[in-house]
N, C-alpha and C. Protein backbone atom coordinates (compact mmCIF):
# COMPACT_ATOMS: atom_id res chain seq x y z
N LEU A 1 127.88 156.19 117.85
CA LEU A 1 127.18 156.06 116.57
C LEU A 1 125.83 156.75 116.67
N ASN A 2 125.80 158.05 116.37
CA ASN A 2 124.51 158.74 116.38
C ASN A 2 124.41 159.82 115.31
N LYS A 3 125.43 160.00 114.49
CA LYS A 3 125.39 160.95 113.36
C LYS A 3 125.54 160.17 112.06
N ASN A 4 124.72 160.50 111.07
CA ASN A 4 124.76 159.85 109.76
C ASN A 4 124.71 158.32 109.87
N VAL A 5 123.83 157.83 110.71
CA VAL A 5 123.65 156.39 110.89
C VAL A 5 122.95 155.82 109.66
N PRO A 6 123.51 154.77 109.03
CA PRO A 6 122.82 154.15 107.89
C PRO A 6 121.48 153.58 108.35
N ILE A 7 120.45 153.78 107.53
CA ILE A 7 119.11 153.29 107.87
C ILE A 7 118.62 152.32 106.80
N PHE A 8 118.31 151.10 107.22
CA PHE A 8 117.71 150.10 106.34
C PHE A 8 116.20 150.22 106.51
N VAL A 9 115.51 150.60 105.46
CA VAL A 9 114.06 150.76 105.51
C VAL A 9 113.43 149.43 105.11
N CYS A 10 112.86 148.74 106.09
CA CYS A 10 112.34 147.40 105.79
C CYS A 10 111.21 147.02 106.75
N THR A 11 111.57 146.53 107.91
CA THR A 11 110.58 145.98 108.82
C THR A 11 110.83 146.51 110.23
N MET A 12 110.03 146.09 111.17
CA MET A 12 110.20 146.48 112.56
C MET A 12 111.26 145.58 113.20
N ALA A 13 112.16 146.18 113.96
CA ALA A 13 113.18 145.41 114.68
C ALA A 13 113.09 145.78 116.16
N TYR A 14 113.51 144.84 117.02
CA TYR A 14 113.41 145.02 118.47
C TYR A 14 114.71 144.61 119.15
N PRO A 15 115.07 145.27 120.26
CA PRO A 15 116.26 144.87 121.00
C PRO A 15 116.19 143.41 121.42
N THR A 16 117.31 142.73 121.32
CA THR A 16 117.55 141.31 121.68
C THR A 16 116.95 140.32 120.68
N VAL A 17 116.21 140.78 119.66
CA VAL A 17 115.57 139.87 118.72
C VAL A 17 116.42 139.74 117.45
N PRO A 18 116.79 138.49 117.06
CA PRO A 18 117.55 138.30 115.82
C PRO A 18 116.76 138.79 114.61
N CYS A 19 117.47 139.32 113.61
CA CYS A 19 116.83 139.85 112.41
C CYS A 19 117.66 139.44 111.18
N PRO A 20 117.40 138.24 110.63
CA PRO A 20 118.14 137.82 109.43
C PRO A 20 117.64 138.59 108.21
N LEU A 21 118.57 139.00 107.34
CA LEU A 21 118.23 139.81 106.17
C LEU A 21 118.87 139.25 104.92
N HIS A 22 118.13 139.28 103.82
CA HIS A 22 118.65 138.94 102.50
C HIS A 22 118.87 140.26 101.76
N ILE A 23 120.11 140.63 101.52
CA ILE A 23 120.47 141.90 100.91
C ILE A 23 120.75 141.70 99.43
N PHE A 24 119.97 142.40 98.58
CA PHE A 24 120.18 142.26 97.14
C PHE A 24 120.17 143.59 96.40
N GLU A 25 119.55 144.64 96.96
CA GLU A 25 119.54 145.94 96.29
C GLU A 25 120.93 146.56 96.37
N PRO A 26 121.41 147.14 95.24
CA PRO A 26 122.77 147.72 95.23
C PRO A 26 123.02 148.74 96.33
N ARG A 27 122.03 149.58 96.64
CA ARG A 27 122.25 150.60 97.68
C ARG A 27 122.47 149.98 99.05
N TYR A 28 121.75 148.90 99.36
CA TYR A 28 121.92 148.25 100.66
C TYR A 28 123.16 147.35 100.68
N ARG A 29 123.55 146.83 99.52
CA ARG A 29 124.81 146.08 99.44
C ARG A 29 125.97 147.00 99.81
N LEU A 30 125.93 148.24 99.28
CA LEU A 30 126.95 149.23 99.60
C LEU A 30 126.91 149.59 101.09
N MET A 31 125.71 149.78 101.61
CA MET A 31 125.55 150.14 103.02
C MET A 31 126.15 149.07 103.94
N ILE A 32 125.83 147.81 103.69
CA ILE A 32 126.34 146.71 104.53
C ILE A 32 127.85 146.61 104.41
N ARG A 33 128.37 146.74 103.19
CA ARG A 33 129.82 146.68 102.98
C ARG A 33 130.52 147.78 103.79
N ARG A 34 129.95 149.00 103.78
CA ARG A 34 130.53 150.10 104.54
C ARG A 34 130.46 149.85 106.04
N CYS A 35 129.35 149.30 106.51
CA CYS A 35 129.23 148.98 107.93
C CYS A 35 130.32 148.00 108.37
N MET A 36 130.62 147.05 107.52
CA MET A 36 131.64 146.05 107.84
C MET A 36 133.04 146.66 107.73
N GLU A 37 133.30 147.48 106.69
CA GLU A 37 134.63 148.05 106.48
C GLU A 37 135.00 149.06 107.55
N THR A 38 134.02 149.85 108.01
CA THR A 38 134.31 150.86 109.03
C THR A 38 134.45 150.26 110.42
N GLY A 39 133.99 149.02 110.58
CA GLY A 39 134.12 148.34 111.85
C GLY A 39 132.98 148.58 112.82
N THR A 40 132.03 149.45 112.48
CA THR A 40 130.91 149.69 113.39
C THR A 40 130.00 148.47 113.48
N LYS A 41 129.83 147.80 112.35
CA LYS A 41 128.97 146.62 112.25
C LYS A 41 127.56 146.90 112.76
N GLN A 42 127.12 148.16 112.61
CA GLN A 42 125.78 148.53 113.07
C GLN A 42 125.09 149.43 112.06
N PHE A 43 123.76 149.33 112.04
CA PHE A 43 122.93 150.20 111.21
C PHE A 43 121.56 150.27 111.85
N GLY A 44 120.78 151.26 111.45
CA GLY A 44 119.43 151.40 111.97
C GLY A 44 118.41 150.72 111.09
N MET A 45 117.34 150.24 111.69
CA MET A 45 116.23 149.64 110.95
C MET A 45 114.97 150.43 111.28
N CYS A 46 114.28 150.91 110.24
CA CYS A 46 113.02 151.64 110.41
C CYS A 46 112.00 151.11 109.41
N ILE A 47 110.74 151.24 109.75
CA ILE A 47 109.71 150.91 108.77
C ILE A 47 109.51 152.11 107.85
N SER A 48 108.89 151.87 106.73
CA SER A 48 108.65 152.91 105.73
C SER A 48 107.59 153.91 106.20
N ASP A 49 107.75 155.14 105.76
CA ASP A 49 106.76 156.19 106.01
C ASP A 49 106.52 156.88 104.67
N PRO A 50 105.27 156.92 104.18
CA PRO A 50 105.00 157.47 102.84
C PRO A 50 105.37 158.95 102.69
N LEU A 51 105.38 159.71 103.77
CA LEU A 51 105.70 161.14 103.68
C LEU A 51 107.18 161.43 103.90
N LYS A 52 107.77 160.81 104.91
CA LYS A 52 109.16 161.11 105.30
C LYS A 52 110.18 160.16 104.70
N GLY A 53 109.73 159.03 104.16
CA GLY A 53 110.65 158.01 103.67
C GLY A 53 110.81 156.88 104.66
N PHE A 54 111.01 157.23 105.93
CA PHE A 54 111.08 156.22 106.98
C PHE A 54 110.62 156.81 108.31
N ALA A 55 110.23 155.94 109.22
CA ALA A 55 109.62 156.32 110.49
C ALA A 55 110.58 157.09 111.38
N ASP A 56 110.02 157.80 112.37
CA ASP A 56 110.81 158.60 113.31
C ASP A 56 111.41 157.77 114.45
N TYR A 57 111.06 156.50 114.53
CA TYR A 57 111.61 155.63 115.57
C TYR A 57 112.09 154.34 114.92
N GLY A 58 113.15 153.75 115.48
CA GLY A 58 113.68 152.51 114.94
C GLY A 58 114.55 151.81 115.97
N CYS A 59 115.31 150.83 115.48
CA CYS A 59 116.16 150.01 116.34
C CYS A 59 117.52 149.84 115.67
N ILE A 60 118.59 149.98 116.44
CA ILE A 60 119.93 149.71 115.93
C ILE A 60 120.11 148.20 115.85
N LEU A 61 120.61 147.73 114.71
CA LEU A 61 120.93 146.31 114.54
C LEU A 61 122.45 146.16 114.50
N GLU A 62 122.94 145.13 115.15
CA GLU A 62 124.37 144.81 115.11
C GLU A 62 124.57 143.58 114.24
N ILE A 63 125.50 143.68 113.30
CA ILE A 63 125.78 142.56 112.39
C ILE A 63 126.64 141.54 113.12
N ARG A 64 126.13 140.31 113.19
CA ARG A 64 126.89 139.23 113.83
C ARG A 64 127.70 138.46 112.80
N ASN A 65 127.14 138.34 111.58
CA ASN A 65 127.84 137.60 110.52
C ASN A 65 127.24 137.99 109.18
N VAL A 66 128.07 137.98 108.14
CA VAL A 66 127.60 138.23 106.77
C VAL A 66 128.14 137.13 105.87
N GLU A 67 127.26 136.55 105.08
CA GLU A 67 127.68 135.57 104.07
C GLU A 67 127.48 136.22 102.71
N PHE A 68 128.60 136.50 102.01
CA PHE A 68 128.55 137.13 100.70
C PHE A 68 128.51 136.06 99.61
N PHE A 69 127.70 136.30 98.57
CA PHE A 69 127.61 135.38 97.44
C PHE A 69 128.31 135.98 96.23
N ALA A 70 128.67 135.14 95.26
CA ALA A 70 129.42 135.57 94.09
C ALA A 70 128.70 136.64 93.27
N ASP A 71 127.36 136.62 93.27
CA ASP A 71 126.60 137.59 92.48
C ASP A 71 126.38 138.92 93.20
N GLY A 72 126.97 139.09 94.39
CA GLY A 72 126.87 140.35 95.11
C GLY A 72 125.84 140.36 96.22
N ARG A 73 124.91 139.41 96.21
CA ARG A 73 123.91 139.34 97.29
C ARG A 73 124.60 138.89 98.57
N SER A 74 123.90 139.06 99.68
CA SER A 74 124.43 138.56 100.94
C SER A 74 123.28 138.23 101.90
N VAL A 75 123.60 137.40 102.85
CA VAL A 75 122.68 137.10 103.94
C VAL A 75 123.34 137.64 105.20
N VAL A 76 122.63 138.52 105.88
CA VAL A 76 123.17 139.20 107.06
C VAL A 76 122.46 138.66 108.30
N ASP A 77 123.25 138.19 109.25
CA ASP A 77 122.74 137.76 110.55
C ASP A 77 122.93 138.94 111.50
N SER A 78 121.82 139.58 111.88
CA SER A 78 121.90 140.74 112.77
C SER A 78 120.97 140.55 113.96
N ILE A 79 121.20 141.37 114.98
CA ILE A 79 120.37 141.30 116.19
C ILE A 79 120.11 142.73 116.67
N GLY A 80 118.90 142.96 117.18
CA GLY A 80 118.52 144.27 117.69
C GLY A 80 119.29 144.63 118.94
N LYS A 81 119.73 145.89 119.02
CA LYS A 81 120.52 146.35 120.17
C LYS A 81 119.80 147.42 120.99
N ARG A 82 119.54 148.61 120.37
CA ARG A 82 118.97 149.74 121.11
C ARG A 82 117.94 150.45 120.25
N ARG A 83 116.89 150.97 120.90
CA ARG A 83 115.89 151.76 120.19
C ARG A 83 116.37 153.20 120.06
N PHE A 84 115.90 153.88 119.03
CA PHE A 84 116.31 155.27 118.83
C PHE A 84 115.18 156.11 118.25
N LYS A 85 115.35 157.42 118.37
CA LYS A 85 114.46 158.41 117.76
C LYS A 85 115.26 159.15 116.71
N VAL A 86 114.67 159.34 115.53
CA VAL A 86 115.32 160.07 114.44
C VAL A 86 115.21 161.57 114.70
N ILE A 87 116.34 162.25 114.64
CA ILE A 87 116.39 163.70 114.81
C ILE A 87 116.35 164.39 113.44
N GLN A 88 117.10 163.82 112.48
CA GLN A 88 117.15 164.41 111.15
C GLN A 88 117.28 163.30 110.09
N HIS A 89 116.43 163.35 109.09
CA HIS A 89 116.46 162.40 107.97
C HIS A 89 117.44 162.92 106.90
N SER A 90 118.19 162.02 106.28
CA SER A 90 119.07 162.41 105.17
C SER A 90 119.36 161.18 104.31
N GLN A 91 120.23 161.36 103.30
CA GLN A 91 120.60 160.27 102.40
C GLN A 91 122.08 160.32 102.09
N ARG A 92 122.62 159.17 101.72
CA ARG A 92 124.02 159.07 101.29
C ARG A 92 124.11 157.98 100.24
N ASP A 93 124.55 158.32 99.06
CA ASP A 93 124.79 157.36 97.98
C ASP A 93 123.62 156.41 97.74
N GLY A 94 122.39 156.93 97.85
CA GLY A 94 121.21 156.13 97.51
C GLY A 94 120.49 155.49 98.68
N TYR A 95 121.16 155.36 99.81
CA TYR A 95 120.47 154.80 100.98
C TYR A 95 120.24 155.90 102.01
N ASN A 96 119.29 155.65 102.90
CA ASN A 96 118.92 156.64 103.91
C ASN A 96 119.90 156.64 105.07
N THR A 97 120.06 157.82 105.66
CA THR A 97 120.84 157.96 106.88
C THR A 97 120.06 158.86 107.83
N ALA A 98 120.49 158.92 109.07
CA ALA A 98 119.79 159.77 110.04
C ALA A 98 120.72 160.14 111.18
N ASP A 99 120.47 161.31 111.74
CA ASP A 99 121.04 161.66 113.04
C ASP A 99 120.01 161.18 114.05
N ILE A 100 120.48 160.48 115.08
CA ILE A 100 119.56 159.84 116.02
C ILE A 100 119.92 160.18 117.47
N GLU A 101 118.97 159.92 118.36
CA GLU A 101 119.26 159.90 119.79
C GLU A 101 118.67 158.63 120.36
N TYR A 102 119.41 158.00 121.24
CA TYR A 102 118.96 156.72 121.81
C TYR A 102 117.87 156.94 122.83
N ILE A 103 116.96 155.97 122.91
CA ILE A 103 115.86 155.99 123.87
C ILE A 103 116.28 155.12 125.05
N GLU A 104 116.24 155.72 126.24
CA GLU A 104 116.57 154.98 127.45
C GLU A 104 115.29 154.67 128.21
N ASP A 105 115.11 153.41 128.53
CA ASP A 105 113.93 153.00 129.29
C ASP A 105 114.13 153.31 130.77
N GLN A 106 113.04 153.63 131.45
CA GLN A 106 113.11 153.81 132.88
C GLN A 106 113.12 152.44 133.55
N LYS A 107 114.04 152.25 134.48
CA LYS A 107 114.15 150.98 135.18
C LYS A 107 112.97 150.78 136.12
N VAL A 108 112.47 149.56 136.18
CA VAL A 108 111.38 149.21 137.08
C VAL A 108 111.98 148.56 138.32
N ASN A 109 111.57 149.04 139.47
CA ASN A 109 112.09 148.47 140.73
C ASN A 109 111.51 147.11 141.01
């Protein structure tokens, strides 16, 4: 998962840290539905950037559970997995996407 990764522009996310989300905007409802239907159950989280739309660094979130409501909203239980750097910003059907490369930390002895 490193080409056309869906990007949720919201807050800062970190590996191993739970990130509960209330999804109500139609573009993000579509994004979450696609993440679940394709089976990846993952998307990127970046903070907003006034010039580029979203920051050049973010964190992949993995969806652990989704509770859908009758009016289309949902509550998503996600957790941070891996940090990434954005290579190319783009969009798909109203939400942001990106080509990314993962950031690997150097191990400490």
